[in-house]
Amino acid sequence: MTLHLLAPTLIGALYLAILFILCFGAVTGAKLLRRYLAARKKPAPPPPAQKAEQPPPPEPKTVYYLVEKKRTAKRTEYKQPKKIDFK
């Protein structure tokens, strides 16, 4: 009986394929089980109740940006800062 040179390689590849399929199935099964258990534990949403009127959103606060210049004269009075729109 002669032993082929590729026989050990083919057996190793078969073991590798079987191991990959087993690991892939185990990971996929575990993820599906976790999703199922999480969905099962989730409580039913409460029935919709009458919503109370919400107060209007607060006015935006004034934001001051400090910009330093190299040469400026010292001032004692400051103007209202310009509004900067970031796009």
N, C-alpha and C. Protein backbone atom coordinates (compact mmCIF):
# COMPACT_ATOMS: atom_id res chain seq x y z
N MET A 1 0.84 -1.16 0.00
CA MET A 1 0.00 0.00 0.00
C MET A 1 0.90 1.23 0.00
N THR A 2 0.68 2.10 -0.96
CA THR A 2 1.51 3.30 -1.06
C THR A 2 0.76 4.48 -0.47
N LEU A 3 1.51 5.31 0.16
CA LEU A 3 0.94 6.50 0.78
C LEU A 3 1.22 7.68 -0.15
N HIS A 4 0.19 8.39 -0.50
CA HIS A 4 0.39 9.56 -1.37
C HIS A 4 1.01 10.70 -0.60
N LEU A 5 1.77 11.53 -1.31
CA LEU A 5 2.44 12.65 -0.64
C LEU A 5 1.47 13.74 -0.23
N LEU A 6 0.35 13.85 -0.92
CA LEU A 6 -0.60 14.91 -0.60
C LEU A 6 -1.63 14.49 0.44
N ALA A 7 -1.64 13.24 0.85
CA ALA A 7 -2.64 12.76 1.80
C ALA A 7 -2.61 13.53 3.13
N PRO A 8 -1.47 13.74 3.77
CA PRO A 8 -1.47 14.50 5.03
C PRO A 8 -1.94 15.94 4.84
N THR A 9 -1.58 16.53 3.70
CA THR A 9 -2.00 17.90 3.43
C THR A 9 -3.51 17.97 3.26
N LEU A 10 -4.09 17.02 2.54
CA LEU A 10 -5.53 17.02 2.33
C LEU A 10 -6.28 16.74 3.62
N ILE A 11 -5.75 15.87 4.46
CA ILE A 11 -6.38 15.59 5.75
C ILE A 11 -6.32 16.84 6.64
N GLY A 12 -5.21 17.55 6.62
CA GLY A 12 -5.09 18.79 7.40
C GLY A 12 -6.06 19.84 6.90
N ALA A 13 -6.21 19.95 5.58
CA ALA A 13 -7.16 20.92 5.03
C ALA A 13 -8.59 20.55 5.41
N LEU A 14 -8.90 19.25 5.43
CA LEU A 14 -10.23 18.79 5.83
C LEU A 14 -10.49 19.12 7.30
N TYR A 15 -9.51 18.87 8.16
CA TYR A 15 -9.66 19.21 9.57
C TYR A 15 -9.83 20.73 9.74
N LEU A 16 -9.08 21.51 8.99
CA LEU A 16 -9.18 22.96 9.06
C LEU A 16 -10.57 23.43 8.64
N ALA A 17 -11.11 22.88 7.57
CA ALA A 17 -12.45 23.27 7.10
C ALA A 17 -13.50 22.89 8.14
N ILE A 18 -13.38 21.68 8.72
CA ILE A 18 -14.34 21.26 9.74
C ILE A 18 -14.26 22.16 10.97
N LEU A 19 -13.05 22.50 11.40
CA LEU A 19 -12.87 23.37 12.56
C LEU A 19 -13.44 24.76 12.28
N PHE A 20 -13.23 25.29 11.08
CA PHE A 20 -13.77 26.60 10.72
C PHE A 20 -15.29 26.58 10.77
N ILE A 21 -15.91 25.55 10.19
CA ILE A 21 -17.37 25.46 10.17
C ILE A 21 -17.92 25.35 11.59
N LEU A 22 -17.27 24.58 12.43
CA LEU A 22 -17.72 24.45 13.82
C LEU A 22 -17.61 25.77 14.58
N CYS A 23 -16.49 26.46 14.44
CA CYS A 23 -16.30 27.74 15.13
C CYS A 23 -17.27 28.79 14.61
N PHE A 24 -17.44 28.85 13.30
CA PHE A 24 -18.35 29.82 12.70
C PHE A 24 -19.78 29.56 13.19
N GLY A 25 -20.18 28.31 13.22
CA GLY A 25 -21.52 27.96 13.70
C GLY A 25 -21.70 28.29 15.17
N ALA A 26 -20.67 28.04 15.97
CA ALA A 26 -20.76 28.33 17.40
C ALA A 26 -20.89 29.84 17.66
N VAL A 27 -20.10 30.64 16.96
CA VAL A 27 -20.16 32.10 17.15
C VAL A 27 -21.50 32.64 16.67
N THR A 28 -21.95 32.21 15.51
CA THR A 28 -23.22 32.67 14.98
C THR A 28 -24.38 32.24 15.89
N GLY A 29 -24.34 31.01 16.37
CA GLY A 29 -25.39 30.54 17.28
C GLY A 29 -25.41 31.32 18.58
N ALA A 30 -24.24 31.64 19.12
CA ALA A 30 -24.17 32.41 20.36
C ALA A 30 -24.74 33.81 20.17
N LYS A 31 -24.43 34.44 19.03
CA LYS A 31 -24.96 35.79 18.77
C LYS A 31 -26.47 35.75 18.61
N LEU A 32 -26.97 34.78 17.90
CA LEU A 32 -28.42 34.66 17.73
C LEU A 32 -29.11 34.40 19.06
N LEU A 33 -28.51 33.57 19.91
CA LEU A 33 -29.08 33.29 21.22
C LEU A 33 -29.12 34.54 22.08
N ARG A 34 -28.04 35.35 22.04
CA ARG A 34 -28.01 36.59 22.82
C ARG A 34 -29.08 37.56 22.34
N ARG A 35 -29.26 37.68 21.02
CA ARG A 35 -30.31 38.56 20.48
C ARG A 35 -31.69 38.08 20.89
N TYR A 36 -31.90 36.78 20.85
CA TYR A 36 -33.20 36.22 21.21
C TYR A 36 -33.51 36.49 22.68
N LEU A 37 -32.51 36.24 23.55
CA LEU A 37 -32.74 36.46 24.98
C LEU A 37 -32.92 37.94 25.30
N ALA A 38 -32.22 38.82 24.61
CA ALA A 38 -32.38 40.26 24.84
C ALA A 38 -33.76 40.72 24.39
N ALA A 39 -34.25 40.21 23.28
CA ALA A 39 -35.57 40.59 22.79
C ALA A 39 -36.65 40.01 23.69
N ARG A 40 -36.39 38.87 24.27
CA ARG A 40 -37.38 38.23 25.14
C ARG A 40 -37.50 38.97 26.47
N LYS A 41 -36.40 39.53 26.98
CA LYS A 41 -36.42 40.24 28.25
C LYS A 41 -36.99 41.65 28.12
N LYS A 42 -37.01 42.20 26.92
CA LYS A 42 -37.44 43.57 26.74
C LYS A 42 -38.93 43.69 27.11
N PRO A 43 -39.28 44.60 28.03
CA PRO A 43 -40.68 44.73 28.43
C PRO A 43 -41.50 45.39 27.33
N ALA A 44 -42.80 45.14 27.38
CA ALA A 44 -43.70 45.75 26.39
C ALA A 44 -43.77 47.25 26.65
N PRO A 45 -43.83 48.04 25.60
CA PRO A 45 -43.89 49.50 25.81
C PRO A 45 -45.21 49.89 26.48
N PRO A 46 -45.17 50.88 27.37
CA PRO A 46 -46.39 51.30 28.06
C PRO A 46 -47.36 51.94 27.07
N PRO A 47 -48.65 51.90 27.36
CA PRO A 47 -49.61 52.51 26.44
C PRO A 47 -49.38 54.01 26.38
N PRO A 48 -49.61 54.59 25.22
CA PRO A 48 -49.36 56.03 25.09
C PRO A 48 -50.33 56.84 25.94
N ALA A 49 -49.79 57.69 26.77
CA ALA A 49 -50.59 58.55 27.63
C ALA A 49 -50.65 59.95 27.02
N GLN A 50 -51.53 60.75 27.53
CA GLN A 50 -51.62 62.11 27.02
C GLN A 50 -50.34 62.87 27.37
N LYS A 51 -49.78 63.47 26.36
CA LYS A 51 -48.52 64.18 26.58
C LYS A 51 -48.80 65.57 27.12
N ALA A 52 -48.06 65.95 28.14
CA ALA A 52 -48.16 67.29 28.68
C ALA A 52 -47.43 68.25 27.74
N GLU A 53 -47.91 69.47 27.68
CA GLU A 53 -47.27 70.45 26.80
C GLU A 53 -45.87 70.76 27.34
N GLN A 54 -44.94 70.73 26.45
CA GLN A 54 -43.56 70.99 26.84
C GLN A 54 -43.29 72.48 26.78
N PRO A 55 -42.46 72.97 27.68
CA PRO A 55 -42.12 74.41 27.64
C PRO A 55 -41.29 74.70 26.39
N PRO A 56 -41.33 75.93 25.91
CA PRO A 56 -40.55 76.26 24.71
C PRO A 56 -39.06 76.15 25.01
N PRO A 57 -38.27 75.85 23.99
CA PRO A 57 -36.82 75.73 24.23
C PRO A 57 -36.23 77.06 24.68
N PRO A 58 -35.21 77.02 25.50
CA PRO A 58 -34.61 78.26 26.01
C PRO A 58 -33.93 79.05 24.88
N GLU A 59 -33.84 80.33 25.09
CA GLU A 59 -33.17 81.22 24.13
C GLU A 59 -31.68 80.88 24.09
N PRO A 60 -31.07 80.93 22.92
CA PRO A 60 -29.62 80.66 22.87
C PRO A 60 -28.84 81.76 23.59
N LYS A 61 -27.83 81.35 24.29
CA LYS A 61 -27.01 82.31 25.03
C LYS A 61 -26.00 82.97 24.09
N THR A 62 -25.62 84.19 24.45
CA THR A 62 -24.62 84.90 23.67
C THR A 62 -23.26 84.27 23.94
N VAL A 63 -22.54 83.98 22.85
CA VAL A 63 -21.22 83.37 22.97
C VAL A 63 -20.19 84.39 22.51
N TYR A 64 -19.18 84.61 23.32
CA TYR A 64 -18.14 85.56 23.00
C TYR A 64 -16.88 84.79 22.60
N TYR A 65 -16.32 85.15 21.46
CA TYR A 65 -15.08 84.54 20.99
C TYR A 65 -13.96 85.55 21.16
N LEU A 66 -12.92 85.16 21.85
CA LEU A 66 -11.78 86.04 22.05
C LEU A 66 -10.77 85.81 20.95
N VAL A 67 -10.45 86.88 20.24
CA VAL A 67 -9.48 86.79 19.16
C VAL A 67 -8.34 87.74 19.49
N GLU A 68 -7.15 87.23 19.54
CA GLU A 68 -6.01 88.06 19.87
C GLU A 68 -5.38 88.61 18.59
N LYS A 69 -5.06 89.88 18.63
CA LYS A 69 -4.37 90.51 17.52
C LYS A 69 -2.99 90.92 18.01
N LYS A 70 -2.08 91.07 17.07
CA LYS A 70 -0.71 91.39 17.47
C LYS A 70 -0.60 92.80 18.05
N ARG A 71 -1.22 93.77 17.36
CA ARG A 71 -1.12 95.15 17.84
C ARG A 71 -2.52 95.72 18.00
N THR A 72 -2.89 95.97 19.22
CA THR A 72 -4.19 96.58 19.48
C THR A 72 -4.03 97.64 20.55
N ALA A 73 -4.84 98.65 20.40
CA ALA A 73 -4.84 99.68 21.41
C ALA A 73 -5.76 99.23 22.55
N LYS A 74 -5.39 99.54 23.76
CA LYS A 74 -6.21 99.14 24.89
C LYS A 74 -7.48 99.99 24.93
N ARG A 75 -8.61 99.31 25.10
CA ARG A 75 -9.88 100.01 25.16
C ARG A 75 -10.53 99.76 26.52
N THR A 76 -11.34 100.72 26.90
CA THR A 76 -12.09 100.54 28.13
C THR A 76 -13.53 100.15 27.83
N GLU A 77 -14.00 100.38 26.59
CA GLU A 77 -15.37 100.03 26.22
C GLU A 77 -15.32 98.98 25.11
N TYR A 78 -16.24 98.07 25.18
CA TYR A 78 -16.30 97.01 24.18
C TYR A 78 -17.67 97.03 23.51
N LYS A 79 -17.68 96.72 22.21
CA LYS A 79 -18.92 96.66 21.45
C LYS A 79 -19.53 95.26 21.56
N GLN A 80 -20.77 95.15 21.11
CA GLN A 80 -21.42 93.84 21.05
C GLN A 80 -20.67 93.01 20.00
N PRO A 81 -20.30 91.78 20.30
CA PRO A 81 -19.54 90.99 19.33
C PRO A 81 -20.37 90.64 18.11
N LYS A 82 -19.68 90.43 16.99
CA LYS A 82 -20.36 90.06 15.76
C LYS A 82 -20.80 88.60 15.85
N LYS A 83 -21.90 88.28 15.19
CA LYS A 83 -22.40 86.92 15.19
C LYS A 83 -21.67 86.14 14.10
N ILE A 84 -21.13 84.99 14.46
CA ILE A 84 -20.40 84.15 13.53
C ILE A 84 -21.24 82.92 13.24
N ASP A 85 -21.54 82.69 11.96
CA ASP A 85 -22.30 81.50 11.57
C ASP A 85 -21.34 80.46 11.05
N PHE A 86 -21.30 79.32 11.70
CA PHE A 86 -20.46 78.22 11.25
C PHE A 86 -21.26 77.34 10.32
N LYS A 87 -20.72 77.10 9.15
CA LYS A 87 -21.45 76.29 8.16
C LYS A 87 -20.79 74.97 7.97
